[in-house]
Amino acid sequence: MSASRRDFVRIAFLGGGMAFLGCNAARSAGPTEAAGTSSGTDAFLLSCMDYRLTEATERFMASKILRKKYDHVILAGAALGALTPKYPAWNQTFWEHLGVAIDLHAIHRVVLLDHRDCGAYKVILGEDFAKDPARETTVHTTQLRELRKAILAKHPKLGVELYLMNLDGTTEAIS
């Protein structure tokens, strides 16, 4: 029986050692990825905080072949939140996060995802645009285009994609 215990202790020790080495190997890979040399991060997503669209947003990004390949910043109102003079700290947060994503992960495109029936648009602009879908599209399109213009002025090499999501999760591209 003592030989069995000895074998058990030896195997347990070797297994624990291998697990320890595996953890250290995984940890040592982190800084290389953090330096942007092999992060696998392709994009930067700005979306709204609306809980109704969390899963739809993840499905949308997966449909763009970006599952687990994007940095995600969430601001109420998405494009409006990044531009509104009503909350200047949000503007600063957006630009600082975008800069970090560029420096840290060498992202090469920005995905801007607004959505219909957005409460932040109601709060910030003082109007319920969902009552008039055509006007709602126009207002979101204006905000998305303004933010794209500002991004390209600061980072002309980035691609910027604009989308408007419906509450059912379907998404339309904005040109």
C-alpha atoms as a PDB file:
ATOM      1  CA  MET A   1       0.000   0.000   0.000  1.00  0.00           C
ATOM      2  CA  SER A   2       2.843   2.443   0.716  1.00  0.00           C
ATOM      3  CA  ALA A   3       4.072   2.112  -2.895  1.00  0.00           C
ATOM      4  CA  SER A   4       0.607   3.135  -4.085  1.00  0.00           C
ATOM      5  CA  ARG A   5       0.620   6.131  -1.801  1.00  0.00           C
ATOM      6  CA  ARG A   6       4.066   7.053  -2.990  1.00  0.00           C
ATOM      7  CA  ASP A   7       2.923   6.768  -6.623  1.00  0.00           C
ATOM      8  CA  PHE A   8      -0.155   8.842  -5.840  1.00  0.00           C
ATOM      9  CA  VAL A   9       1.922  11.581  -4.186  1.00  0.00           C
ATOM     10  CA  ARG A  10       4.397  11.582  -7.096  1.00  0.00           C
ATOM     11  CA  ILE A  11       1.606  11.843  -9.693  1.00  0.00           C
ATOM     12  CA  ALA A  12      -0.181  14.544  -7.697  1.00  0.00           C
ATOM     13  CA  PHE A  13       3.061  16.489  -7.352  1.00  0.00           C
ATOM     14  CA  LEU A  14       3.864  16.199 -11.056  1.00  0.00           C
ATOM     15  CA  GLY A  15       0.302  17.141 -12.018  1.00  0.00           C
ATOM     16  CA  GLY A  16       0.356  20.158  -9.727  1.00  0.00           C
ATOM     17  CA  GLY A  17       3.702  21.217 -11.132  1.00  0.00           C
ATOM     18  CA  MET A  18       2.418  20.954 -14.699  1.00  0.00           C
ATOM     19  CA  ALA A  19      -0.670  22.982 -13.798  1.00  0.00           C
ATOM     20  CA  PHE A  20       1.569  25.615 -12.198  1.00  0.00           C
ATOM     21  CA  LEU A  21       3.787  25.784 -15.283  1.00  0.00           C
ATOM     22  CA  GLY A  22       0.705  26.041 -17.517  1.00  0.00           C
ATOM     23  CA  CYS A  23      -0.628  28.981 -15.494  1.00  0.00           C
ATOM     24  CA  ASN A  24       2.701  30.764 -15.660  1.00  0.00           C
ATOM     25  CA  ALA A  25       2.957  30.170 -19.407  1.00  0.00           C
ATOM     26  CA  ALA A  26      -0.520  31.618 -19.884  1.00  0.00           C
ATOM     27  CA  ARG A  27       0.332  34.593 -17.673  1.00  0.00           C
ATOM     28  CA  SER A  28       3.551  35.285 -19.563  1.00  0.00           C
ATOM     29  CA  ALA A  29       1.595  35.450 -22.846  1.00  0.00           C
ATOM     30  CA  GLY A  30      -0.437  38.384 -21.516  1.00  0.00           C
ATOM     31  CA  PRO A  31       2.093  41.218 -21.897  1.00  0.00           C
ATOM     32  CA  THR A  32       2.843  40.255 -25.506  1.00  0.00           C
ATOM     33  CA  GLU A  33      -0.853  40.471 -26.286  1.00  0.00           C
ATOM     34  CA  ALA A  34      -1.183  43.660 -24.257  1.00  0.00           C
ATOM     35  CA  ALA A  35       1.531  45.264 -26.355  1.00  0.00           C
ATOM     36  CA  GLY A  36      -0.686  44.796 -29.394  1.00  0.00           C
ATOM     37  CA  THR A  37       1.549  42.310 -31.160  1.00  0.00           C
ATOM     38  CA  SER A  38      -0.918  39.417 -31.212  1.00  0.00           C
ATOM     39  CA  SER A  39      -4.069  40.491 -29.444  1.00  0.00           C
ATOM     40  CA  GLY A  40      -6.617  39.280 -31.962  1.00  0.00           C
ATOM     41  CA  THR A  41      -8.642  42.447 -31.330  1.00  0.00           C
ATOM     42  CA  ASP A  42      -9.933  43.780 -34.628  1.00  0.00           C
ATOM     43  CA  ALA A  43     -12.435  46.460 -33.704  1.00  0.00           C
ATOM     44  CA  PHE A  44     -13.743  48.929 -31.184  1.00  0.00           C
ATOM     45  CA  LEU A  45     -17.489  48.876 -30.541  1.00  0.00           C
ATOM     46  CA  LEU A  46     -19.464  51.772 -29.119  1.00  0.00           C
ATOM     47  CA  SER A  47     -23.009  50.840 -28.137  1.00  0.00           C
ATOM     48  CA  CYS A  48     -25.736  52.018 -25.799  1.00  0.00           C
ATOM     49  CA  MET A  49     -26.256  50.776 -22.264  1.00  0.00           C
ATOM     50  CA  ASP A  50     -29.826  49.586 -22.966  1.00  0.00           C
ATOM     51  CA  TYR A  51     -30.210  46.175 -21.297  1.00  0.00           C
ATOM     52  CA  ARG A  52     -32.826  45.137 -23.874  1.00  0.00           C
ATOM     53  CA  LEU A  53     -30.165  44.811 -26.562  1.00  0.00           C
ATOM     54  CA  THR A  54     -27.227  43.185 -24.778  1.00  0.00           C
ATOM     55  CA  GLU A  55     -27.684  39.764 -26.357  1.00  0.00           C
ATOM     56  CA  ALA A  56     -28.656  41.210 -29.740  1.00  0.00           C
ATOM     57  CA  THR A  57     -25.467  43.291 -29.711  1.00  0.00           C
ATOM     58  CA  GLU A  58     -23.353  40.200 -29.043  1.00  0.00           C
ATOM     59  CA  ARG A  59     -25.132  38.317 -31.860  1.00  0.00           C
ATOM     60  CA  PHE A  60     -24.608  41.271 -34.181  1.00  0.00           C
ATOM     61  CA  MET A  61     -20.871  41.360 -33.499  1.00  0.00           C
ATOM     62  CA  ALA A  62     -20.648  37.595 -33.956  1.00  0.00           C
ATOM     63  CA  SER A  63     -22.400  37.990 -37.320  1.00  0.00           C
ATOM     64  CA  LYS A  64     -19.648  40.457 -38.281  1.00  0.00           C
ATOM     65  CA  ILE A  65     -17.090  37.703 -37.466  1.00  0.00           C
ATOM     66  CA  LEU A  66     -15.960  39.711 -34.469  1.00  0.00           C
ATOM     67  CA  ARG A  67     -16.904  37.398 -31.601  1.00  0.00           C
ATOM     68  CA  LYS A  68     -14.283  37.953 -28.871  1.00  0.00           C
ATOM     69  CA  LYS A  69     -12.328  40.201 -31.243  1.00  0.00           C
ATOM     70  CA  TYR A  70     -13.425  43.655 -30.159  1.00  0.00           C
ATOM     71  CA  ASP A  71     -13.106  46.167 -27.371  1.00  0.00           C
ATOM     72  CA  HIS A  72     -16.489  47.374 -26.147  1.00  0.00           C
ATOM     73  CA  VAL A  73     -17.337  50.769 -24.701  1.00  0.00           C
ATOM     74  CA  ILE A  74     -20.872  51.466 -23.562  1.00  0.00           C
ATOM     75  CA  LEU A  75     -22.322  54.964 -23.271  1.00  0.00           C
ATOM     76  CA  ALA A  76     -25.964  55.897 -22.916  1.00  0.00           C
ATOM     77  CA  GLY A  77     -27.020  57.008 -26.384  1.00  0.00           C
ATOM     78  CA  ALA A  78     -23.914  55.506 -28.043  1.00  0.00           C
ATOM     79  CA  ALA A  79     -22.983  58.063 -30.758  1.00  0.00           C
ATOM     80  CA  LEU A  80     -24.991  60.818 -29.072  1.00  0.00           C
ATOM     81  CA  GLY A  81     -23.356  60.014 -25.726  1.00  0.00           C
ATOM     82  CA  ALA A  82     -19.909  60.408 -27.285  1.00  0.00           C
ATOM     83  CA  LEU A  83     -20.772  63.834 -28.715  1.00  0.00           C
ATOM     84  CA  THR A  84     -23.235  65.486 -26.352  1.00  0.00           C
ATOM     85  CA  PRO A  85     -22.220  68.743 -24.672  1.00  0.00           C
ATOM     86  CA  LYS A  86     -24.660  67.837 -21.888  1.00  0.00           C
ATOM     87  CA  TYR A  87     -22.218  65.224 -20.485  1.00  0.00           C
ATOM     88  CA  PRO A  88     -18.681  66.271 -21.479  1.00  0.00           C
ATOM     89  CA  ALA A  89     -17.093  63.571 -19.311  1.00  0.00           C
ATOM     90  CA  TRP A  90     -18.738  60.980 -21.562  1.00  0.00           C
ATOM     91  CA  ASN A  91     -17.048  62.589 -24.573  1.00  0.00           C
ATOM     92  CA  GLN A  92     -13.683  62.406 -22.847  1.00  0.00           C
ATOM     93  CA  THR A  93     -14.313  58.799 -21.804  1.00  0.00           C
ATOM     94  CA  PHE A  94     -15.059  57.807 -25.394  1.00  0.00           C
ATOM     95  CA  TRP A  95     -11.915  59.431 -26.802  1.00  0.00           C
ATOM     96  CA  GLU A  96      -9.678  58.072 -24.056  1.00  0.00           C
ATOM     97  CA  HIS A  97     -10.996  54.537 -24.517  1.00  0.00           C
ATOM     98  CA  LEU A  98     -10.581  54.771 -28.286  1.00  0.00           C
ATOM     99  CA  GLY A  99      -6.986  55.930 -27.814  1.00  0.00           C
ATOM    100  CA  VAL A 100      -6.233  53.056 -25.472  1.00  0.00           C
ATOM    101  CA  ALA A 101      -7.773  50.556 -27.908  1.00  0.00           C
ATOM    102  CA  ILE A 102      -5.585  51.930 -30.699  1.00  0.00           C
ATOM    103  CA  ASP A 103      -2.423  51.912 -28.573  1.00  0.00           C
ATOM    104  CA  LEU A 104      -3.011  48.643 -26.753  1.00  0.00           C
ATOM    105  CA  HIS A 105      -4.756  46.476 -29.327  1.00  0.00           C
ATOM    106  CA  ALA A 106      -3.942  48.190 -32.633  1.00  0.00           C
ATOM    107  CA  ILE A 107      -7.610  48.187 -33.639  1.00  0.00           C
ATOM    108  CA  HIS A 108      -8.241  49.186 -37.226  1.00  0.00           C
ATOM    109  CA  ARG A 109     -11.980  49.808 -37.279  1.00  0.00           C
ATOM    110  CA  VAL A 110     -14.684  51.347 -35.148  1.00  0.00           C
ATOM    111  CA  VAL A 111     -18.238  50.030 -35.065  1.00  0.00           C
ATOM    112  CA  LEU A 112     -20.830  52.586 -33.941  1.00  0.00           C
ATOM    113  CA  LEU A 113     -24.117  50.962 -32.945  1.00  0.00           C
ATOM    114  CA  ASP A 114     -27.101  53.151 -32.079  1.00  0.00           C
ATOM    115  CA  HIS A 115     -30.585  51.733 -31.514  1.00  0.00           C
ATOM    116  CA  ARG A 116     -34.189  52.742 -31.913  1.00  0.00           C
ATOM    117  CA  ASP A 117     -36.364  53.828 -28.977  1.00  0.00           C
ATOM    118  CA  CYS A 118     -33.279  55.075 -27.152  1.00  0.00           C
ATOM    119  CA  GLY A 119     -34.020  56.632 -23.778  1.00  0.00           C
ATOM    120  CA  ALA A 120     -30.806  58.663 -23.833  1.00  0.00           C
ATOM    121  CA  TYR A 121     -31.949  60.420 -26.994  1.00  0.00           C
ATOM    122  CA  LYS A 122     -35.161  61.311 -25.146  1.00  0.00           C
ATOM    123  CA  VAL A 123     -33.257  62.595 -22.101  1.00  0.00           C
ATOM    124  CA  ILE A 124     -30.512  64.479 -23.944  1.00  0.00           C
ATOM    125  CA  LEU A 125     -32.499  65.862 -26.878  1.00  0.00           C
ATOM    126  CA  GLY A 126     -35.835  66.149 -25.093  1.00  0.00           C
ATOM    127  CA  GLU A 127     -37.930  64.385 -27.698  1.00  0.00           C
ATOM    128  CA  ASP A 128     -39.363  60.882 -28.192  1.00  0.00           C
ATOM    129  CA  PHE A 129     -38.171  60.107 -31.719  1.00  0.00           C
ATOM    130  CA  ALA A 130     -39.599  56.568 -31.676  1.00  0.00           C
ATOM    131  CA  LYS A 131     -43.043  58.040 -32.416  1.00  0.00           C
ATOM    132  CA  ASP A 132     -41.816  58.994 -35.903  1.00  0.00           C
ATOM    133  CA  PRO A 133     -39.515  56.253 -37.295  1.00  0.00           C
ATOM    134  CA  ALA A 134     -38.404  58.310 -40.303  1.00  0.00           C
ATOM    135  CA  ARG A 135     -37.386  61.243 -38.096  1.00  0.00           C
ATOM    136  CA  GLU A 136     -35.769  58.813 -35.647  1.00  0.00           C
ATOM    137  CA  THR A 137     -33.639  57.387 -38.474  1.00  0.00           C
ATOM    138  CA  THR A 138     -32.636  60.901 -39.554  1.00  0.00           C
ATOM    139  CA  VAL A 139     -31.608  61.944 -36.033  1.00  0.00           C
ATOM    140  CA  HIS A 140     -29.549  58.774 -35.438  1.00  0.00           C
ATOM    141  CA  THR A 141     -27.976  59.031 -38.894  1.00  0.00           C
ATOM    142  CA  THR A 142     -26.921  62.617 -38.172  1.00  0.00           C
ATOM    143  CA  GLN A 143     -25.330  61.664 -34.830  1.00  0.00           C
ATOM    144  CA  LEU A 144     -23.578  58.600 -36.251  1.00  0.00           C
ATOM    145  CA  ARG A 145     -22.175  60.569 -39.197  1.00  0.00           C
ATOM    146  CA  GLU A 146     -20.984  63.398 -36.943  1.00  0.00           C
ATOM    147  CA  LEU A 147     -19.121  60.960 -34.736  1.00  0.00           C
ATOM    148  CA  ARG A 148     -17.609  59.185 -37.758  1.00  0.00           C
ATOM    149  CA  LYS A 149     -16.421  62.564 -39.057  1.00  0.00           C
ATOM    150  CA  ALA A 150     -14.827  63.400 -35.676  1.00  0.00           C
ATOM    151  CA  ILE A 151     -13.140  59.982 -35.453  1.00  0.00           C
ATOM    152  CA  LEU A 152     -11.717  60.249 -38.957  1.00  0.00           C
ATOM    153  CA  ALA A 153     -10.449  63.778 -38.256  1.00  0.00           C
ATOM    154  CA  LYS A 154      -8.377  62.404 -35.357  1.00  0.00           C
ATOM    155  CA  HIS A 155      -7.649  58.907 -36.720  1.00  0.00           C
ATOM    156  CA  PRO A 156      -7.884  58.967 -40.545  1.00  0.00           C
ATOM    157  CA  LYS A 157      -6.563  55.401 -40.950  1.00  0.00           C
ATOM    158  CA  LEU A 158      -9.456  53.827 -39.036  1.00  0.00           C
ATOM    159  CA  GLY A 159     -12.471  52.365 -40.763  1.00  0.00           C
ATOM    160  CA  VAL A 160     -15.752  53.519 -39.203  1.00  0.00           C
ATOM    161  CA  GLU A 161     -18.976  51.538 -39.617  1.00  0.00           C
ATOM    162  CA  LEU A 162     -22.394  52.926 -38.686  1.00  0.00           C
ATOM    163  CA  TYR A 163     -25.419  50.846 -37.665  1.00  0.00           C
ATOM    164  CA  LEU A 164     -28.885  51.347 -36.258  1.00  0.00           C
ATOM    165  CA  MET A 165     -30.436  48.433 -34.368  1.00  0.00           C
ATOM    166  CA  ASN A 166     -34.138  47.769 -34.020  1.00  0.00           C
ATOM    167  CA  LEU A 167     -35.512  46.466 -30.733  1.00  0.00           C
ATOM    168  CA  ASP A 168     -35.947  43.024 -32.325  1.00  0.00           C
ATOM    169  CA  GLY A 169     -32.174  42.887 -32.894  1.00  0.00           C
ATOM    170  CA  THR A 170     -32.229  43.437 -36.628  1.00  0.00           C
ATOM    171  CA  THR A 171     -29.676  45.986 -37.747  1.00  0.00           C
ATOM    172  CA  GLU A 172     -29.410  48.351 -40.686  1.00  0.00           C
ATOM    173  CA  ALA A 173     -26.202  49.835 -41.987  1.00  0.00           C
ATOM    174  CA  ILE A 174     -26.072  53.615 -42.228  1.00  0.00           C
ATOM    175  CA  SER A 175     -23.993  54.968 -45.112  1.00  0.00           C
END
